[in-house]
Amino acid sequence: MRIVAATKNKHKVDEIQAITKEFGMDVVPRDIAGVPDIEVEEDGSTFEENSEKKAREISALCGEITIADDSGLMVDALDGAPGVISARFAGEDASDAQNNEKLLALLETVDEAQRTARFVSVITMIYPDGRKIVARGECEGHMIYQPRGNNGFGYDPLFVPTGYDRTFAELTSEEKNKISHRAAALQKLRKILQEQQL
């Protein structure tokens, strides 16, 4: 089953491909499907709204089954921020480093016990006939005081998943893809597809 990835984020596409190849899904980048190089405006107030919007718009452009991921980090001490604006927390064109710097500055006076957080991923699959499947995955953990590790992307160097003493950025791709929020969402998607025999 060929599925078009709505995201232009190469890191996300790589993770989705690595996880879904075990399911027998062939997830291809949108440029391979001939999708124009457009930005889908992420103006929803929830991960679900943004994920569905991206999947629907790209599916309409390519006429194929499309999968979209909207994901982000929710820090309890910051009332769930950065949340849906995780990628642009420090500004529209902010780098990962700038987003991390802003987050660390806001958490500077927060003690270790209060630095709980979770990564959230909402995966939406849209079929050309309009059918929709939504799956949400979360990964609990806590935020550290300084970035550690060179793998991963985004807030990975600051996030230690529960039960681990290493950040996402210190885990191998294989390790992260077993426990991540994105893996949890894709496993739920797989279960729904199996139950519906789609």
C-alpha atoms as a PDB file:
ATOM      1  CA  MET A   1       0.000   0.000   0.000  1.00  0.00           C
ATOM      2  CA  ARG A   2       1.584   3.264  -1.152  1.00  0.00           C
ATOM      3  CA  ILE A   3       0.949   6.204   1.135  1.00  0.00           C
ATOM      4  CA  VAL A   4       2.102   9.784   0.615  1.00  0.00           C
ATOM      5  CA  ALA A   5       3.674  11.589   3.576  1.00  0.00           C
ATOM      6  CA  ALA A   6       2.191  15.082   3.880  1.00  0.00           C
ATOM      7  CA  THR A   7       5.134  16.503   5.793  1.00  0.00           C
ATOM      8  CA  LYS A   8       8.147  18.175   4.203  1.00  0.00           C
ATOM      9  CA  ASN A   9      10.193  17.441   7.355  1.00  0.00           C
ATOM     10  CA  LYS A  10      12.755  14.845   6.249  1.00  0.00           C
ATOM     11  CA  HIS A  11      13.377  13.707   9.843  1.00  0.00           C
ATOM     12  CA  LYS A  12       9.673  12.913  10.292  1.00  0.00           C
ATOM     13  CA  VAL A  13       9.489  11.110   6.944  1.00  0.00           C
ATOM     14  CA  ASP A  14      12.532   8.998   7.856  1.00  0.00           C
ATOM     15  CA  GLU A  15      10.988   8.036  11.212  1.00  0.00           C
ATOM     16  CA  ILE A  16       7.590   7.246   9.689  1.00  0.00           C
ATOM     17  CA  GLN A  17       9.218   5.119   6.960  1.00  0.00           C
ATOM     18  CA  ALA A  18      11.385   3.231   9.469  1.00  0.00           C
ATOM     19  CA  ILE A  19       8.383   2.388  11.661  1.00  0.00           C
ATOM     20  CA  THR A  20       5.783   1.637   8.952  1.00  0.00           C
ATOM     21  CA  LYS A  21       7.974  -0.578   6.755  1.00  0.00           C
ATOM     22  CA  GLU A  22       7.357  -3.303   9.362  1.00  0.00           C
ATOM     23  CA  PHE A  23       3.628  -2.969   8.599  1.00  0.00           C
ATOM     24  CA  GLY A  24       4.101  -3.424   4.852  1.00  0.00           C
ATOM     25  CA  MET A  25       3.326   0.239   4.157  1.00  0.00           C
ATOM     26  CA  ASP A  26       5.263   2.054   1.455  1.00  0.00           C
ATOM     27  CA  VAL A  27       5.373   5.659   2.683  1.00  0.00           C
ATOM     28  CA  VAL A  28       6.818   7.991   0.063  1.00  0.00           C
ATOM     29  CA  PRO A  29       7.863  11.655   0.389  1.00  0.00           C
ATOM     30  CA  ARG A  30       5.368  14.085  -1.126  1.00  0.00           C
ATOM     31  CA  ASP A  31       7.773  15.340  -3.822  1.00  0.00           C
ATOM     32  CA  ILE A  32       7.985  11.801  -5.226  1.00  0.00           C
ATOM     33  CA  ALA A  33       4.182  11.837  -5.506  1.00  0.00           C
ATOM     34  CA  GLY A  34       4.367  15.061  -7.523  1.00  0.00           C
ATOM     35  CA  VAL A  35       2.937  17.290  -4.799  1.00  0.00           C
ATOM     36  CA  PRO A  36       3.791  20.977  -5.392  1.00  0.00           C
ATOM     37  CA  ASP A  37       6.169  22.610  -2.934  1.00  0.00           C
ATOM     38  CA  ILE A  38       3.471  24.385  -0.928  1.00  0.00           C
ATOM     39  CA  GLU A  39       3.184  25.052   2.788  1.00  0.00           C
ATOM     40  CA  VAL A  40      -0.016  23.971   4.534  1.00  0.00           C
ATOM     41  CA  GLU A  41      -0.820  26.625   7.118  1.00  0.00           C
ATOM     42  CA  GLU A  42      -0.996  25.008  10.537  1.00  0.00           C
ATOM     43  CA  ASP A  43      -3.626  27.264  12.078  1.00  0.00           C
ATOM     44  CA  GLY A  44      -5.477  24.668  14.154  1.00  0.00           C
ATOM     45  CA  SER A  45      -5.640  24.854  17.938  1.00  0.00           C
ATOM     46  CA  THR A  46      -5.031  21.108  18.401  1.00  0.00           C
ATOM     47  CA  PHE A  47      -2.670  18.494  16.988  1.00  0.00           C
ATOM     48  CA  GLU A  48      -5.753  16.730  15.589  1.00  0.00           C
ATOM     49  CA  GLU A  49      -6.911  19.779  13.630  1.00  0.00           C
ATOM     50  CA  ASN A  50      -3.478  20.446  12.125  1.00  0.00           C
ATOM     51  CA  SER A  51      -2.856  16.792  11.276  1.00  0.00           C
ATOM     52  CA  GLU A  52      -6.188  16.420   9.477  1.00  0.00           C
ATOM     53  CA  LYS A  53      -5.776  19.690   7.576  1.00  0.00           C
ATOM     54  CA  LYS A  54      -2.331  18.687   6.282  1.00  0.00           C
ATOM     55  CA  ALA A  55      -3.503  15.206   5.268  1.00  0.00           C
ATOM     56  CA  ARG A  56      -6.639  16.474   3.475  1.00  0.00           C
ATOM     57  CA  GLU A  57      -4.876  19.232   1.535  1.00  0.00           C
ATOM     58  CA  ILE A  58      -2.035  17.001   0.334  1.00  0.00           C
ATOM     59  CA  SER A  59      -4.404  14.117  -0.503  1.00  0.00           C
ATOM     60  CA  ALA A  60      -6.499  16.522  -2.593  1.00  0.00           C
ATOM     61  CA  LEU A  61      -3.376  17.552  -4.497  1.00  0.00           C
ATOM     62  CA  CYS A  62      -2.069  14.045  -5.249  1.00  0.00           C
ATOM     63  CA  GLY A  63      -5.259  11.955  -5.272  1.00  0.00           C
ATOM     64  CA  GLU A  64      -3.626   9.268  -3.131  1.00  0.00           C
ATOM     65  CA  ILE A  65      -3.884   7.947   0.417  1.00  0.00           C
ATOM     66  CA  THR A  66      -2.021  10.480   2.539  1.00  0.00           C
ATOM     67  CA  ILE A  67      -0.620  10.337   6.052  1.00  0.00           C
ATOM     68  CA  ALA A  68       0.097  13.432   8.138  1.00  0.00           C
ATOM     69  CA  ASP A  69       1.736  13.816  11.518  1.00  0.00           C
ATOM     70  CA  ASP A  70       1.290  16.795  13.768  1.00  0.00           C
ATOM     71  CA  SER A  71       3.393  16.530  16.854  1.00  0.00           C
ATOM     72  CA  GLY A  72       4.956  18.541  19.594  1.00  0.00           C
ATOM     73  CA  LEU A  73       6.144  18.807  23.152  1.00  0.00           C
ATOM     74  CA  MET A  74       3.868  19.622  26.093  1.00  0.00           C
ATOM     75  CA  VAL A  75       5.611  20.777  29.281  1.00  0.00           C
ATOM     76  CA  ASP A  76       3.449  20.671  32.419  1.00  0.00           C
ATOM     77  CA  ALA A  77       5.174  23.621  34.153  1.00  0.00           C
ATOM     78  CA  LEU A  78       4.406  25.758  31.082  1.00  0.00           C
ATOM     79  CA  ASP A  79       0.703  24.802  30.957  1.00  0.00           C
ATOM     80  CA  GLY A  80       1.287  22.514  27.986  1.00  0.00           C
ATOM     81  CA  ALA A  81       3.496  24.862  25.970  1.00  0.00           C
ATOM     82  CA  PRO A  82       5.011  24.831  23.420  1.00  0.00           C
ATOM     83  CA  GLY A  83       2.279  22.414  22.225  1.00  0.00           C
ATOM     84  CA  VAL A  84       0.995  22.940  18.688  1.00  0.00           C
ATOM     85  CA  ILE A  85       3.534  25.715  18.068  1.00  0.00           C
ATOM     86  CA  SER A  86       6.511  23.509  19.034  1.00  0.00           C
ATOM     87  CA  ALA A  87       8.253  23.944  15.658  1.00  0.00           C
ATOM     88  CA  ARG A  88       7.913  27.738  15.745  1.00  0.00           C
ATOM     89  CA  PHE A  89       8.098  28.350  19.504  1.00  0.00           C
ATOM     90  CA  ALA A  90      10.863  30.955  19.191  1.00  0.00           C
ATOM     91  CA  GLY A  91       9.456  32.448  15.964  1.00  0.00           C
ATOM     92  CA  GLU A  92       8.269  31.429  12.489  1.00  0.00           C
ATOM     93  CA  ASP A  93      11.712  30.555  11.138  1.00  0.00           C
ATOM     94  CA  ALA A  94      13.272  29.497  14.439  1.00  0.00           C
ATOM     95  CA  SER A  95      15.913  26.777  14.421  1.00  0.00           C
ATOM     96  CA  ASP A  96      15.800  23.762  16.737  1.00  0.00           C
ATOM     97  CA  ALA A  97      18.577  25.391  18.780  1.00  0.00           C
ATOM     98  CA  GLN A  98      16.598  28.632  19.167  1.00  0.00           C
ATOM     99  CA  ASN A  99      13.465  26.748  20.247  1.00  0.00           C
ATOM    100  CA  ASN A 100      15.508  24.780  22.778  1.00  0.00           C
ATOM    101  CA  GLU A 101      17.131  27.954  24.115  1.00  0.00           C
ATOM    102  CA  LYS A 102      13.748  29.607  24.660  1.00  0.00           C
ATOM    103  CA  LEU A 103      12.382  26.523  26.408  1.00  0.00           C
ATOM    104  CA  LEU A 104      15.407  26.262  28.710  1.00  0.00           C
ATOM    105  CA  ALA A 105      15.132  29.955  29.591  1.00  0.00           C
ATOM    106  CA  LEU A 106      11.477  29.524  30.581  1.00  0.00           C
ATOM    107  CA  LEU A 107      12.308  26.463  32.685  1.00  0.00           C
ATOM    108  CA  GLU A 108      15.370  28.016  34.343  1.00  0.00           C
ATOM    109  CA  THR A 109      13.764  28.355  37.782  1.00  0.00           C
ATOM    110  CA  VAL A 110      11.680  25.160  37.600  1.00  0.00           C
ATOM    111  CA  ASP A 111      12.995  22.388  39.843  1.00  0.00           C
ATOM    112  CA  GLU A 112      13.556  18.852  38.623  1.00  0.00           C
ATOM    113  CA  ALA A 113      10.372  17.387  40.093  1.00  0.00           C
ATOM    114  CA  GLN A 114       8.238  19.896  38.183  1.00  0.00           C
ATOM    115  CA  ARG A 115       9.909  19.389  34.784  1.00  0.00           C
ATOM    116  CA  THR A 116       7.532  16.654  33.603  1.00  0.00           C
ATOM    117  CA  ALA A 117       6.537  16.657  29.945  1.00  0.00           C
ATOM    118  CA  ARG A 118       5.300  14.507  27.108  1.00  0.00           C
ATOM    119  CA  PHE A 119       5.751  14.326  23.383  1.00  0.00           C
ATOM    120  CA  VAL A 120       2.474  13.993  21.454  1.00  0.00           C
ATOM    121  CA  SER A 121       1.944  12.770  17.902  1.00  0.00           C
ATOM    122  CA  VAL A 122      -1.368  12.704  16.045  1.00  0.00           C
ATOM    123  CA  ILE A 123      -1.354  10.728  12.806  1.00  0.00           C
ATOM    124  CA  THR A 124      -4.198  11.229  10.341  1.00  0.00           C
ATOM    125  CA  MET A 125      -4.683   9.039   7.281  1.00  0.00           C
ATOM    126  CA  ILE A 126      -6.962  10.385   4.567  1.00  0.00           C
ATOM    127  CA  TYR A 127      -8.254   8.327   1.657  1.00  0.00           C
ATOM    128  CA  PRO A 128      -9.134   9.929  -1.708  1.00  0.00           C
ATOM    129  CA  ASP A 129     -12.813   9.104  -1.018  1.00  0.00           C
ATOM    130  CA  GLY A 130     -12.684  11.207   2.167  1.00  0.00           C
ATOM    131  CA  ARG A 131     -12.406   8.423   4.746  1.00  0.00           C
ATOM    132  CA  LYS A 132     -10.332   9.369   7.775  1.00  0.00           C
ATOM    133  CA  ILE A 133      -8.404   7.446  10.424  1.00  0.00           C
ATOM    134  CA  VAL A 134      -6.878   9.248  13.412  1.00  0.00           C
ATOM    135  CA  ALA A 135      -4.405   7.822  15.929  1.00  0.00           C
ATOM    136  CA  ARG A 136      -2.763   9.649  18.853  1.00  0.00           C
ATOM    137  CA  GLY A 137       0.403   8.566  20.638  1.00  0.00           C
ATOM    138  CA  GLU A 138       2.200  10.027  23.651  1.00  0.00           C
ATOM    139  CA  CYS A 139       5.555   9.493  25.333  1.00  0.00           C
ATOM    140  CA  GLU A 140       5.996  10.658  28.943  1.00  0.00           C
ATOM    141  CA  GLY A 141       9.268  11.995  30.290  1.00  0.00           C
ATOM    142  CA  HIS A 142      10.988  15.036  31.763  1.00  0.00           C
ATOM    143  CA  MET A 143      13.080  17.971  30.618  1.00  0.00           C
ATOM    144  CA  ILE A 144      16.762  18.304  31.559  1.00  0.00           C
ATOM    145  CA  TYR A 145      18.834  21.471  32.046  1.00  0.00           C
ATOM    146  CA  GLN A 146      21.297  21.235  29.132  1.00  0.00           C
ATOM    147  CA  PRO A 147      21.062  19.585  25.684  1.00  0.00           C
ATOM    148  CA  ARG A 148      22.600  16.108  25.453  1.00  0.00           C
ATOM    149  CA  GLY A 149      23.101  13.920  22.377  1.00  0.00           C
ATOM    150  CA  ASN A 150      23.461  14.392  18.637  1.00  0.00           C
ATOM    151  CA  ASN A 151      20.743  12.118  17.261  1.00  0.00           C
ATOM    152  CA  GLY A 152      17.140  13.084  16.658  1.00  0.00           C
ATOM    153  CA  PHE A 153      15.821  16.596  16.079  1.00  0.00           C
ATOM    154  CA  GLY A 154      13.674  19.272  17.668  1.00  0.00           C
ATOM    155  CA  TYR A 155      13.545  19.018  21.450  1.00  0.00           C
ATOM    156  CA  ASP A 156      15.079  15.517  21.518  1.00  0.00           C
ATOM    157  CA  PRO A 157      18.324  16.670  23.255  1.00  0.00           C
ATOM    158  CA  LEU A 158      16.313  18.006  26.233  1.00  0.00           C
ATOM    159  CA  PHE A 159      13.793  15.168  26.715  1.00  0.00           C
ATOM    160  CA  VAL A 160      14.456  12.038  28.776  1.00  0.00           C
ATOM    161  CA  PRO A 161      11.680   9.449  28.363  1.00  0.00           C
ATOM    162  CA  THR A 162      10.342   7.806  31.524  1.00  0.00           C
ATOM    163  CA  GLY A 163      12.358   4.733  32.472  1.00  0.00           C
ATOM    164  CA  TYR A 164      15.498   5.937  30.684  1.00  0.00           C
ATOM    165  CA  ASP A 165      18.524   7.979  31.748  1.00  0.00           C
ATOM    166  CA  ARG A 166      19.311   9.111  28.206  1.00  0.00           C
ATOM    167  CA  THR A 167      17.651  11.784  26.090  1.00  0.00           C
ATOM    168  CA  PHE A 168      15.880  10.996  22.823  1.00  0.00           C
ATOM    169  CA  ALA A 169      18.973  12.484  21.131  1.00  0.00           C
ATOM    170  CA  GLU A 170      21.227   9.973  22.938  1.00  0.00           C
ATOM    171  CA  LEU A 171      19.160   6.966  21.864  1.00  0.00           C
ATOM    172  CA  THR A 172      19.763   5.231  18.566  1.00  0.00           C
ATOM    173  CA  SER A 173      17.078   5.658  15.903  1.00  0.00           C
ATOM    174  CA  GLU A 174      16.062   2.035  16.492  1.00  0.00           C
ATOM    175  CA  GLU A 175      15.673   2.601  20.239  1.00  0.00           C
ATOM    176  CA  LYS A 176      13.699   5.798  19.812  1.00  0.00           C
ATOM    177  CA  ASN A 177      11.419   4.287  17.161  1.00  0.00           C
ATOM    178  CA  LYS A 178      10.315   1.603  19.634  1.00  0.00           C
ATOM    179  CA  ILE A 179       9.155   4.002  22.361  1.00  0.00           C
ATOM    180  CA  SER A 180       8.440   7.368  20.753  1.00  0.00           C
ATOM    181  CA  HIS A 181       5.119   9.203  20.557  1.00  0.00           C
ATOM    182  CA  ARG A 182       5.217   8.750  16.777  1.00  0.00           C
ATOM    183  CA  ALA A 183       5.763   5.009  17.122  1.00  0.00           C
ATOM    184  CA  ALA A 184       2.832   4.783  19.548  1.00  0.00           C
ATOM    185  CA  ALA A 185       0.545   6.669  17.143  1.00  0.00           C
ATOM    186  CA  LEU A 186       1.618   4.563  14.147  1.00  0.00           C
ATOM    187  CA  GLN A 187       1.112   1.325  16.121  1.00  0.00           C
ATOM    188  CA  LYS A 188      -2.425   2.490  16.944  1.00  0.00           C
ATOM    189  CA  LEU A 189      -2.983   3.291  13.274  1.00  0.00           C
ATOM    190  CA  ARG A 190      -1.794  -0.174  12.331  1.00  0.00           C
ATOM    191  CA  LYS A 191      -4.226  -1.750  14.838  1.00  0.00           C
ATOM    192  CA  ILE A 192      -7.146   0.266  13.438  1.00  0.00           C
ATOM    193  CA  LEU A 193      -6.234  -0.751   9.862  1.00  0.00           C
ATOM    194  CA  GLN A 194      -6.070  -4.410  10.893  1.00  0.00           C
ATOM    195  CA  GLU A 195      -9.400  -4.237  12.717  1.00  0.00           C
ATOM    196  CA  GLN A 196     -11.084  -2.541   9.765  1.00  0.00           C
ATOM    197  CA  GLN A 197      -9.188  -4.742   7.287  1.00  0.00           C
ATOM    198  CA  LEU A 198      -8.277  -1.675   5.262  1.00  0.00           C
END
